Every structure is written in C-alpha cells, then in structure tokens.
Amino acid sequence: MATDNVSVVLLGLGGVGKSCICLKLTQPSQAIPHEHIITPWTDTFQHRIYLRKDKSVLLDIDDTAGQEEMRALSEVKLDNKDAVILVLSLSDESIRKCSWKPRLSPKNSRKSKDKGALPLPIVVACNKCDLSGNDIKISRETISDKIRLPANQIIYTSAKTNHNVQELFKTAAELVLNTGARGSQNGCVQGLEKLVVRWLFERAFFQSPTARWWFS
C-alpha cells in the first residue's frame, strides 16, 4: 500500500474545538470533555488516514494552543508545514463582522518542481455544526459569502458528534497531494502567521489589547 506523509497545523482561537477535533480523529469513541481542553503551546502527534483502499497518509499534526494572546503563533514553525487547518466556531458571532480576503503572496507559497509557486493549502473547519437555533451565530450563507475559498475547502464539522472530522483531514491531505505543494520544497513561509490571523480573526483579536502589537 502506498503511503505519503503530510504535515498539518491547526490554528484558531481558544474554545473553537481544535483539540476536540484532534481527539475525535485519534479516538473516535472518546467522549468530548465538558471542560475546556488546555493545550500547552503546541501538541504534536501522528495519525494514519486512508484516502482509498490502496492509499494511506500518515499525518503529522500540530494542535496549537488558543490564540487569544497571540503568543502561540510565534512559536509555530509554518515553514515546514504542508497545509493549514483554520478552525472557527459557528457559535462565535464576531465572525460575522470579519471581512476575509485571503491572498497569498509569492513569499507565502510552496514550490512544485512541475507547477512553480503554489499557495499553501488552507482548509477552514466550521466547527460545532451540531448546534441549532439561537446557538448558531453565523449562517452558512454568510460563511460562503465571506470566505473566499472553494466550497470543498470549507468543511462543517462537529467534534461532539464526530461529523466530518475524518473528511476535514482527508481534504487537507488530498489538497497537498493533488497540488504538489510541500513545505520541504520552499525554504520558509515568511509572514504567513500574520496573514492567516489577519484574515480569519481580525475583529476578534482587535478586541483584545494584547493583540494590537502583532499588527503594528
């Protein structure tokens, strides 16, 4: 059986469900704890997924701590990552105020021997899709309108019910394998930390004084 290695990092605010998503990926039968999972800066582990019967991928996954104070991002080395999974919560109403225009400049790209400069693959996980009624603060229509990514790169997940958790990581792996965008093929991704934070969490972070220095 053919096997590839793909390196993925999860980014997102505290409480959006990054660690719970990772827990359900590796331990599907494990119940999600009611208390908030505290991740010490980054937690790295491996997990094998199967894209088809004759093809598996060994994922190297970095689960980062909540980014409220912006410190963890400075510790995350993105220059050797093949893909980024940005996790947001459908219960976060501040997301509606964001204006997302994801643009990757040439210095924020990977290189393929055959295809030249390629953007770093990004998948957005819209987590907590098991919620209903007034608990949902942002509609799918709003997300489709604001996030300028192909529909197949926006995955609605629920760590609580294990909905689309496997699909989320399969999508990230397939993007890497299909595009040939590899972290090891380009030296570093300078400024990507600022790019993804400004894109996804601009309004949420600007509400916190500890965030402003990051954008100065």
C-alpha atoms as a PDB file:
ATOM      1  CA  MET A   1       0.000   0.000   0.000  1.00  0.00           C
ATOM      2  CA  ALA A   2       1.316   3.429  -0.990  1.00  0.00           C
ATOM      3  CA  THR A   3       1.833   5.853   1.905  1.00  0.00           C
ATOM      4  CA  ASP A   4       2.583   9.584   1.955  1.00  0.00           C
ATOM      5  CA  ASN A   5       3.492  11.869   4.834  1.00  0.00           C
ATOM      6  CA  VAL A   6       1.611  15.171   5.191  1.00  0.00           C
ATOM      7  CA  SER A   7       2.311  17.811   7.839  1.00  0.00           C
ATOM      8  CA  VAL A   8      -0.682  19.853   9.055  1.00  0.00           C
ATOM      9  CA  VAL A   9      -1.070  22.612  11.655  1.00  0.00           C
ATOM     10  CA  LEU A  10      -4.365  23.619  13.297  1.00  0.00           C
ATOM     11  CA  LEU A  11      -4.853  27.308  14.113  1.00  0.00           C
ATOM     12  CA  GLY A  12      -7.744  29.029  15.842  1.00  0.00           C
ATOM     13  CA  LEU A  13      -8.991  30.903  18.862  1.00  0.00           C
ATOM     14  CA  GLY A  14      -9.296  29.222  22.234  1.00  0.00           C
ATOM     15  CA  GLY A  15     -12.528  27.289  22.666  1.00  0.00           C
ATOM     16  CA  VAL A  16     -13.318  26.716  18.987  1.00  0.00           C
ATOM     17  CA  GLY A  17     -12.648  22.978  19.301  1.00  0.00           C
ATOM     18  CA  LYS A  18      -9.194  22.353  17.811  1.00  0.00           C
ATOM     19  CA  SER A  19      -8.132  19.836  20.452  1.00  0.00           C
ATOM     20  CA  CYS A  20     -11.559  18.180  20.459  1.00  0.00           C
ATOM     21  CA  ILE A  21     -11.330  17.694  16.693  1.00  0.00           C
ATOM     22  CA  CYS A  22      -7.932  16.064  17.150  1.00  0.00           C
ATOM     23  CA  LEU A  23      -9.317  13.896  19.960  1.00  0.00           C
ATOM     24  CA  LYS A  24     -12.140  12.622  17.756  1.00  0.00           C
ATOM     25  CA  LEU A  25      -9.742  11.944  14.893  1.00  0.00           C
ATOM     26  CA  THR A  26      -7.491   9.748  17.010  1.00  0.00           C
ATOM     27  CA  GLN A  27     -10.062   8.372  19.486  1.00  0.00           C
ATOM     28  CA  PRO A  28     -13.494   8.396  17.796  1.00  0.00           C
ATOM     29  CA  SER A  29     -15.238   6.622  20.685  1.00  0.00           C
ATOM     30  CA  GLN A  30     -13.845   9.007  23.307  1.00  0.00           C
ATOM     31  CA  ALA A  31     -16.420  11.407  24.754  1.00  0.00           C
ATOM     32  CA  ILE A  32     -15.670  15.109  24.425  1.00  0.00           C
ATOM     33  CA  PRO A  33     -14.929  16.593  27.881  1.00  0.00           C
ATOM     34  CA  HIS A  34     -17.207  19.369  29.099  1.00  0.00           C
ATOM     35  CA  GLU A  35     -14.318  21.461  30.365  1.00  0.00           C
ATOM     36  CA  HIS A  36     -12.052  23.390  28.005  1.00  0.00           C
ATOM     37  CA  ILE A  37      -9.005  21.397  26.873  1.00  0.00           C
ATOM     38  CA  ILE A  38      -5.803  23.276  27.619  1.00  0.00           C
ATOM     39  CA  THR A  39      -3.071  22.722  25.031  1.00  0.00           C
ATOM     40  CA  PRO A  40       0.460  23.741  26.117  1.00  0.00           C
ATOM     41  CA  TRP A  41       1.519  25.901  23.129  1.00  0.00           C
ATOM     42  CA  THR A  42       1.613  23.023  20.641  1.00  0.00           C
ATOM     43  CA  ASP A  43       0.829  19.318  20.822  1.00  0.00           C
ATOM     44  CA  THR A  44       2.296  17.174  18.049  1.00  0.00           C
ATOM     45  CA  PHE A  45       1.172  13.682  17.121  1.00  0.00           C
ATOM     46  CA  GLN A  46       0.775  11.315  14.178  1.00  0.00           C
ATOM     47  CA  HIS A  47      -2.295   9.618  12.779  1.00  0.00           C
ATOM     48  CA  ARG A  48      -2.854   7.465   9.697  1.00  0.00           C
ATOM     49  CA  ILE A  49      -5.864   8.036   7.458  1.00  0.00           C
ATOM     50  CA  TYR A  50      -6.970   6.126   4.368  1.00  0.00           C
ATOM     51  CA  LEU A  51      -7.910   8.040   1.238  1.00  0.00           C
ATOM     52  CA  ARG A  52      -8.820   4.812  -0.529  1.00  0.00           C
ATOM     53  CA  LYS A  53      -8.093   1.097  -0.174  1.00  0.00           C
ATOM     54  CA  ASP A  54      -4.651   1.297  -1.754  1.00  0.00           C
ATOM     55  CA  LYS A  55      -3.630   4.752  -0.469  1.00  0.00           C
ATOM     56  CA  SER A  56      -2.902   5.901   3.070  1.00  0.00           C
ATOM     57  CA  VAL A  57      -1.486   9.117   4.506  1.00  0.00           C
ATOM     58  CA  LEU A  58       0.493   9.464   7.713  1.00  0.00           C
ATOM     59  CA  LEU A  59      -0.424  12.852   9.153  1.00  0.00           C
ATOM     60  CA  ASP A  60       1.967  14.859  11.301  1.00  0.00           C
ATOM     61  CA  ILE A  61      -0.439  17.142  13.185  1.00  0.00           C
ATOM     62  CA  ASP A  62       0.373  20.217  15.279  1.00  0.00           C
ATOM     63  CA  ASP A  63      -2.509  21.224  17.550  1.00  0.00           C
ATOM     64  CA  THR A  64      -1.800  24.756  18.774  1.00  0.00           C
ATOM     65  CA  ALA A  65      -2.980  26.468  21.935  1.00  0.00           C
ATOM     66  CA  GLY A  66      -5.756  29.063  21.809  1.00  0.00           C
ATOM     67  CA  GLN A  67      -4.523  32.246  20.174  1.00  0.00           C
ATOM     68  CA  GLU A  68      -6.175  34.866  22.402  1.00  0.00           C
ATOM     69  CA  GLU A  69      -2.821  36.300  23.449  1.00  0.00           C
ATOM     70  CA  MET A  70      -1.196  35.718  20.052  1.00  0.00           C
ATOM     71  CA  ARG A  71       1.863  34.126  21.623  1.00  0.00           C
ATOM     72  CA  ALA A  72       1.466  30.582  20.347  1.00  0.00           C
ATOM     73  CA  LEU A  73       1.611  31.627  16.702  1.00  0.00           C
ATOM     74  CA  SER A  74       5.119  32.965  17.174  1.00  0.00           C
ATOM     75  CA  GLU A  75       6.134  29.504  18.368  1.00  0.00           C
ATOM     76  CA  VAL A  76       4.586  27.633  15.456  1.00  0.00           C
ATOM     77  CA  LYS A  77       7.023  26.860  12.669  1.00  0.00           C
ATOM     78  CA  LEU A  78       4.991  27.038   9.490  1.00  0.00           C
ATOM     79  CA  ASP A  79       7.855  26.850   7.034  1.00  0.00           C
ATOM     80  CA  ASN A  80       7.824  23.038   7.049  1.00  0.00           C
ATOM     81  CA  LYS A  81       4.055  22.578   7.091  1.00  0.00           C
ATOM     82  CA  ASP A  82       2.216  21.249   4.055  1.00  0.00           C
ATOM     83  CA  ALA A  83      -1.240  22.617   4.947  1.00  0.00           C
ATOM     84  CA  VAL A  84      -3.095  24.794   7.446  1.00  0.00           C
ATOM     85  CA  ILE A  85      -6.462  23.977   9.006  1.00  0.00           C
ATOM     86  CA  LEU A  86      -8.150  27.128  10.332  1.00  0.00           C
ATOM     87  CA  VAL A  87     -10.817  26.303  12.910  1.00  0.00           C
ATOM     88  CA  LEU A  88     -13.693  28.647  13.700  1.00  0.00           C
ATOM     89  CA  SER A  89     -16.783  28.156  15.838  1.00  0.00           C
ATOM     90  CA  LEU A  90     -20.291  28.632  14.487  1.00  0.00           C
ATOM     91  CA  SER A  91     -21.230  29.924  17.948  1.00  0.00           C
ATOM     92  CA  ASP A  92     -18.893  32.932  17.632  1.00  0.00           C
ATOM     93  CA  GLU A  93     -20.967  35.893  16.459  1.00  0.00           C
ATOM     94  CA  SER A  94     -17.897  38.116  15.996  1.00  0.00           C
ATOM     95  CA  ILE A  95     -17.113  36.108  12.855  1.00  0.00           C
ATOM     96  CA  ARG A  96     -19.971  37.908  11.074  1.00  0.00           C
ATOM     97  CA  LYS A  97     -18.094  41.214  11.341  1.00  0.00           C
ATOM     98  CA  CYS A  98     -14.949  39.944   9.673  1.00  0.00           C
ATOM     99  CA  SER A  99     -14.041  40.784   6.110  1.00  0.00           C
ATOM    100  CA  TRP A 100     -11.915  37.948   4.797  1.00  0.00           C
ATOM    101  CA  LYS A 101      -9.880  38.334   1.654  1.00  0.00           C
ATOM    102  CA  PRO A 102      -7.299  35.550   1.694  1.00  0.00           C
ATOM    103  CA  ARG A 103      -4.379  36.487  -0.534  1.00  0.00           C
ATOM    104  CA  LEU A 104      -1.133  34.567  -0.598  1.00  0.00           C
ATOM    105  CA  SER A 105       1.814  36.484  -1.976  1.00  0.00           C
ATOM    106  CA  PRO A 106       4.681  34.641  -3.709  1.00  0.00           C
ATOM    107  CA  LYS A 107       6.673  34.530  -0.464  1.00  0.00           C
ATOM    108  CA  ASN A 108       3.736  32.699   1.148  1.00  0.00           C
ATOM    109  CA  SER A 109       3.775  29.912  -1.399  1.00  0.00           C
ATOM    110  CA  ARG A 110       5.183  26.433  -1.791  1.00  0.00           C
ATOM    111  CA  LYS A 111       7.014  25.352  -4.900  1.00  0.00           C
ATOM    112  CA  SER A 112       6.374  22.327  -7.029  1.00  0.00           C
ATOM    113  CA  LYS A 113       9.012  21.094  -9.436  1.00  0.00           C
ATOM    114  CA  ASP A 114       6.425  20.904 -12.193  1.00  0.00           C
ATOM    115  CA  LYS A 115       3.975  23.679 -11.340  1.00  0.00           C
ATOM    116  CA  GLY A 116       6.063  26.523  -9.945  1.00  0.00           C
ATOM    117  CA  ALA A 117       4.890  28.592  -6.988  1.00  0.00           C
ATOM    118  CA  LEU A 118       1.793  27.235  -5.268  1.00  0.00           C
ATOM    119  CA  PRO A 119      -0.270  28.669  -2.411  1.00  0.00           C
ATOM    120  CA  LEU A 120      -0.103  26.899   0.906  1.00  0.00           C
ATOM    121  CA  PRO A 121      -3.249  24.721   1.064  1.00  0.00           C
ATOM    122  CA  ILE A 122      -5.791  26.078   3.562  1.00  0.00           C
ATOM    123  CA  VAL A 123      -8.904  24.283   4.807  1.00  0.00           C
ATOM    124  CA  VAL A 124     -11.448  26.026   7.054  1.00  0.00           C
ATOM    125  CA  ALA A 125     -13.224  23.926   9.684  1.00  0.00           C
ATOM    126  CA  CYS A 126     -16.568  25.460  10.681  1.00  0.00           C
ATOM    127  CA  ASN A 127     -16.901  23.602  13.956  1.00  0.00           C
ATOM    128  CA  LYS A 128     -19.887  22.991  16.262  1.00  0.00           C
ATOM    129  CA  CYS A 129     -22.287  22.407  13.374  1.00  0.00           C
ATOM    130  CA  ASP A 130     -24.326  20.199  15.731  1.00  0.00           C
ATOM    131  CA  LEU A 131     -25.693  23.367  17.368  1.00  0.00           C
ATOM    132  CA  SER A 132     -29.100  24.686  16.384  1.00  0.00           C
ATOM    133  CA  GLY A 133     -31.420  27.634  16.833  1.00  0.00           C
ATOM    134  CA  ASN A 134     -30.059  30.664  18.638  1.00  0.00           C
ATOM    135  CA  ASP A 135     -26.802  28.855  19.425  1.00  0.00           C
ATOM    136  CA  ILE A 136     -25.771  29.295  15.784  1.00  0.00           C
ATOM    137  CA  LYS A 137     -24.414  32.822  15.414  1.00  0.00           C
ATOM    138  CA  ILE A 138     -23.324  32.699  11.780  1.00  0.00           C
ATOM    139  CA  SER A 139     -25.197  31.186   8.857  1.00  0.00           C
ATOM    140  CA  ARG A 140     -23.741  29.025   6.129  1.00  0.00           C
ATOM    141  CA  GLU A 141     -24.767  31.665   3.609  1.00  0.00           C
ATOM    142  CA  THR A 142     -22.693  34.280   5.437  1.00  0.00           C
ATOM    143  CA  ILE A 143     -19.700  31.962   5.600  1.00  0.00           C
ATOM    144  CA  SER A 144     -19.919  31.193   1.883  1.00  0.00           C
ATOM    145  CA  ASP A 145     -20.115  34.915   1.151  1.00  0.00           C
ATOM    146  CA  LYS A 146     -17.209  35.966   3.376  1.00  0.00           C
ATOM    147  CA  ILE A 147     -14.698  33.157   2.980  1.00  0.00           C
ATOM    148  CA  ARG A 148     -13.181  33.364  -0.485  1.00  0.00           C
ATOM    149  CA  LEU A 149     -12.257  29.712  -0.795  1.00  0.00           C
ATOM    150  CA  PRO A 150     -13.651  26.915  -2.966  1.00  0.00           C
ATOM    151  CA  ALA A 151     -16.608  25.171  -1.336  1.00  0.00           C
ATOM    152  CA  ASN A 152     -14.658  21.938  -0.943  1.00  0.00           C
ATOM    153  CA  GLN A 153     -12.162  23.747   1.319  1.00  0.00           C
ATOM    154  CA  ILE A 154     -14.859  24.792   3.809  1.00  0.00           C
ATOM    155  CA  ILE A 155     -15.810  21.800   5.960  1.00  0.00           C
ATOM    156  CA  TYR A 156     -18.625  21.854   8.530  1.00  0.00           C
ATOM    157  CA  THR A 157     -17.554  19.738  11.479  1.00  0.00           C
ATOM    158  CA  SER A 158     -18.758  18.677  14.896  1.00  0.00           C
ATOM    159  CA  ALA A 159     -16.208  17.333  17.329  1.00  0.00           C
ATOM    160  CA  LYS A 160     -19.101  16.397  19.622  1.00  0.00           C
ATOM    161  CA  THR A 161     -20.765  14.073  17.104  1.00  0.00           C
ATOM    162  CA  ASN A 162     -17.617  13.294  15.076  1.00  0.00           C
ATOM    163  CA  HIS A 163     -19.284  14.749  11.973  1.00  0.00           C
ATOM    164  CA  ASN A 164     -16.849  15.303   9.073  1.00  0.00           C
ATOM    165  CA  VAL A 165     -13.750  15.082  11.285  1.00  0.00           C
ATOM    166  CA  GLN A 166     -12.136  12.441   9.078  1.00  0.00           C
ATOM    167  CA  GLU A 167     -13.284  14.353   5.991  1.00  0.00           C
ATOM    168  CA  LEU A 168     -11.555  17.507   7.254  1.00  0.00           C
ATOM    169  CA  PHE A 169      -8.141  15.887   7.418  1.00  0.00           C
ATOM    170  CA  LYS A 170      -8.683  13.918   4.215  1.00  0.00           C
ATOM    171  CA  THR A 171      -9.454  17.176   2.408  1.00  0.00           C
ATOM    172  CA  ALA A 172      -6.247  18.771   3.679  1.00  0.00           C
ATOM    173  CA  ALA A 173      -4.185  15.732   2.691  1.00  0.00           C
ATOM    174  CA  GLU A 174      -5.748  15.492  -0.767  1.00  0.00           C
ATOM    175  CA  LEU A 175      -5.113  19.200  -1.422  1.00  0.00           C
ATOM    176  CA  VAL A 176      -1.435  18.694  -0.670  1.00  0.00           C
ATOM    177  CA  LEU A 177      -1.120  15.547  -2.767  1.00  0.00           C
ATOM    178  CA  ASN A 178      -3.138  16.900  -5.700  1.00  0.00           C
ATOM    179  CA  THR A 179      -1.314  20.240  -5.912  1.00  0.00           C
ATOM    180  CA  GLY A 180       2.171  19.042  -5.036  1.00  0.00           C
ATOM    181  CA  ALA A 181       2.517  21.892  -2.513  1.00  0.00           C
ATOM    182  CA  ARG A 182       5.074  20.714   0.004  1.00  0.00           C
ATOM    183  CA  GLY A 183       6.640  22.529   2.933  1.00  0.00           C
ATOM    184  CA  SER A 184      10.045  20.998   2.262  1.00  0.00           C
ATOM    185  CA  GLN A 185      10.115  22.367  -1.302  1.00  0.00           C
ATOM    186  CA  ASN A 186      10.333  26.008  -0.266  1.00  0.00           C
ATOM    187  CA  GLY A 187      12.603  27.368   2.429  1.00  0.00           C
ATOM    188  CA  CYS A 188      10.149  29.263   4.636  1.00  0.00           C
ATOM    189  CA  VAL A 189       6.801  30.987   4.637  1.00  0.00           C
ATOM    190  CA  GLN A 190       7.621  34.418   5.983  1.00  0.00           C
ATOM    191  CA  GLY A 191       4.680  36.430   7.206  1.00  0.00           C
ATOM    192  CA  LEU A 192       2.122  33.645   6.881  1.00  0.00           C
ATOM    193  CA  GLU A 193       1.397  33.853  10.604  1.00  0.00           C
ATOM    194  CA  LYS A 194       0.265  37.461  10.200  1.00  0.00           C
ATOM    195  CA  LEU A 195      -1.676  36.646   7.049  1.00  0.00           C
ATOM    196  CA  VAL A 196      -3.849  33.891   8.461  1.00  0.00           C
ATOM    197  CA  VAL A 197      -4.515  35.717  11.712  1.00  0.00           C
ATOM    198  CA  ARG A 198      -5.459  38.958   9.975  1.00  0.00           C
ATOM    199  CA  TRP A 199      -7.665  37.032   7.545  1.00  0.00           C
ATOM    200  CA  LEU A 200      -9.674  34.925   9.969  1.00  0.00           C
ATOM    201  CA  PHE A 201      -9.506  36.559  13.376  1.00  0.00           C
ATOM    202  CA  GLU A 202      -9.099  40.293  12.720  1.00  0.00           C
ATOM    203  CA  ARG A 203     -12.144  41.551  14.586  1.00  0.00           C
ATOM    204  CA  ALA A 204     -11.896  39.057  17.439  1.00  0.00           C
ATOM    205  CA  PHE A 205      -8.249  39.872  18.121  1.00  0.00           C
ATOM    206  CA  PHE A 206      -8.554  43.629  17.842  1.00  0.00           C
ATOM    207  CA  GLN A 207     -10.963  43.489  20.772  1.00  0.00           C
ATOM    208  CA  SER A 208      -8.003  42.382  22.907  1.00  0.00           C
ATOM    209  CA  PRO A 209      -5.208  44.875  23.769  1.00  0.00           C
ATOM    210  CA  THR A 210      -2.683  42.022  23.743  1.00  0.00           C
ATOM    211  CA  ALA A 211      -3.293  41.534  20.020  1.00  0.00           C
ATOM    212  CA  ARG A 212      -2.554  45.008  18.704  1.00  0.00           C
ATOM    213  CA  TRP A 213       1.217  44.714  18.790  1.00  0.00           C
ATOM    214  CA  TRP A 214       1.016  41.819  16.336  1.00  0.00           C
ATOM    215  CA  PHE A 215      -0.335  44.063  13.582  1.00  0.00           C
ATOM    216  CA  SER A 216       1.908  47.086  14.205  1.00  0.00           C
END
